[in-house]
């Protein structure tokens, strides 16, 4: 498995994004946030590559032109 395909748990993604773990749980509930899947009934994981792609999309959406 490549390092970009590393599986991250909710707590790890929360630290990476700088948001509380409960925010990720809420985003899953409402269908927002990075793509995730279940490994079992209580194990939610995110692929590092999917988290990075989601973050890049957010960055592009929020990019503002610089004014001099």
C-alpha atoms as a PDB file:
ATOM      1  CA  UNK A   1       0.000   0.000   0.000  1.00  0.00           C
ATOM      2  CA  UNK A   2       1.372   3.408  -0.947  1.00  0.00           C
ATOM      3  CA  UNK A   3       1.771   6.040   1.755  1.00  0.00           C
ATOM      4  CA  UNK A   4      -0.951   8.168   0.091  1.00  0.00           C
ATOM      5  CA  UNK A   5      -3.315   5.230   0.536  1.00  0.00           C
ATOM      6  CA  UNK A   6      -2.637   4.993   4.246  1.00  0.00           C
ATOM      7  CA  UNK A   7      -5.816   4.434   6.242  1.00  0.00           C
ATOM      8  CA  UNK A   8      -6.511   7.111   8.835  1.00  0.00           C
ATOM      9  CA  UNK A   9      -8.945   6.928  11.729  1.00  0.00           C
ATOM     10  CA  UNK A  10     -11.333   9.753  12.590  1.00  0.00           C
ATOM     11  CA  UNK A  11      -9.090  11.161  15.316  1.00  0.00           C
ATOM     12  CA  UNK A  12      -6.103  11.318  12.947  1.00  0.00           C
ATOM     13  CA  UNK A  13      -8.078  13.115  10.225  1.00  0.00           C
ATOM     14  CA  UNK A  14      -9.468  15.542  12.803  1.00  0.00           C
ATOM     15  CA  UNK A  15      -5.923  16.427  13.900  1.00  0.00           C
ATOM     16  CA  UNK A  16      -4.791  16.780  10.298  1.00  0.00           C
ATOM     17  CA  UNK A  17      -7.669  19.125   9.415  1.00  0.00           C
ATOM     18  CA  UNK A  18      -7.660  20.983  12.727  1.00  0.00           C
ATOM     19  CA  UNK A  19     -11.297  20.226  13.517  1.00  0.00           C
ATOM     20  CA  UNK A  20     -12.885  18.291  16.379  1.00  0.00           C
ATOM     21  CA  UNK A  21     -13.592  14.598  15.741  1.00  0.00           C
ATOM     22  CA  UNK A  22     -17.277  15.357  16.329  1.00  0.00           C
ATOM     23  CA  UNK A  23     -17.201  17.680  13.316  1.00  0.00           C
ATOM     24  CA  UNK A  24     -16.113  14.758  11.132  1.00  0.00           C
ATOM     25  CA  UNK A  25     -18.867  12.633  12.620  1.00  0.00           C
ATOM     26  CA  UNK A  26     -21.408  15.372  11.804  1.00  0.00           C
ATOM     27  CA  UNK A  27     -20.056  15.735   8.267  1.00  0.00           C
ATOM     28  CA  UNK A  28     -20.475  11.975   7.764  1.00  0.00           C
ATOM     29  CA  UNK A  29     -24.047  12.207   9.031  1.00  0.00           C
ATOM     30  CA  UNK A  30     -24.962  15.028   6.627  1.00  0.00           C
ATOM     31  CA  UNK A  31     -22.964  13.618   3.705  1.00  0.00           C
ATOM     32  CA  UNK A  32     -20.161  16.209   3.721  1.00  0.00           C
ATOM     33  CA  UNK A  33     -16.412  16.022   4.328  1.00  0.00           C
ATOM     34  CA  UNK A  34     -13.778  13.654   2.996  1.00  0.00           C
ATOM     35  CA  UNK A  35     -14.744  10.261   1.603  1.00  0.00           C
ATOM     36  CA  UNK A  36     -14.765   7.504   4.233  1.00  0.00           C
ATOM     37  CA  UNK A  37     -15.752   3.879   4.634  1.00  0.00           C
ATOM     38  CA  UNK A  38     -16.279   1.297   7.346  1.00  0.00           C
ATOM     39  CA  UNK A  39     -13.929  -1.579   8.028  1.00  0.00           C
ATOM     40  CA  UNK A  40     -16.394  -3.002  10.515  1.00  0.00           C
ATOM     41  CA  UNK A  41     -19.466  -1.989  12.497  1.00  0.00           C
ATOM     42  CA  UNK A  42     -17.525   0.521  14.609  1.00  0.00           C
ATOM     43  CA  UNK A  43     -14.386   1.241  12.572  1.00  0.00           C
ATOM     44  CA  UNK A  44     -14.491   4.261  10.230  1.00  0.00           C
ATOM     45  CA  UNK A  45     -11.426   5.025   8.107  1.00  0.00           C
ATOM     46  CA  UNK A  46     -10.355   7.568   5.516  1.00  0.00           C
ATOM     47  CA  UNK A  47      -7.746   7.086   2.789  1.00  0.00           C
ATOM     48  CA  UNK A  48      -5.037   9.740   3.142  1.00  0.00           C
ATOM     49  CA  UNK A  49      -5.204  10.391  -0.619  1.00  0.00           C
ATOM     50  CA  UNK A  50      -8.967  11.084  -0.425  1.00  0.00           C
ATOM     51  CA  UNK A  51      -8.500  13.460   2.509  1.00  0.00           C
ATOM     52  CA  UNK A  52      -5.759  15.318   0.598  1.00  0.00           C
ATOM     53  CA  UNK A  53      -7.956  15.559  -2.517  1.00  0.00           C
ATOM     54  CA  UNK A  54     -10.916  16.834  -0.501  1.00  0.00           C
ATOM     55  CA  UNK A  55      -8.708  19.431   1.188  1.00  0.00           C
ATOM     56  CA  UNK A  56      -7.329  20.579  -2.193  1.00  0.00           C
ATOM     57  CA  UNK A  57     -10.904  21.020  -3.474  1.00  0.00           C
ATOM     58  CA  UNK A  58     -11.803  23.130  -0.437  1.00  0.00           C
ATOM     59  CA  UNK A  59      -8.663  25.197  -0.944  1.00  0.00           C
ATOM     60  CA  UNK A  60      -9.520  25.803  -4.616  1.00  0.00           C
ATOM     61  CA  UNK A  61     -13.098  26.780  -3.755  1.00  0.00           C
ATOM     62  CA  UNK A  62     -11.890  29.203  -1.104  1.00  0.00           C
ATOM     63  CA  UNK A  63      -9.059  30.707  -3.132  1.00  0.00           C
ATOM     64  CA  UNK A  64      -9.418  34.421  -3.601  1.00  0.00           C
ATOM     65  CA  UNK A  65      -7.504  36.561  -6.053  1.00  0.00           C
ATOM     66  CA  UNK A  66      -4.745  38.556  -4.423  1.00  0.00           C
ATOM     67  CA  UNK A  67      -5.062  42.324  -4.592  1.00  0.00           C
ATOM     68  CA  UNK A  68      -1.994  44.504  -4.670  1.00  0.00           C
END
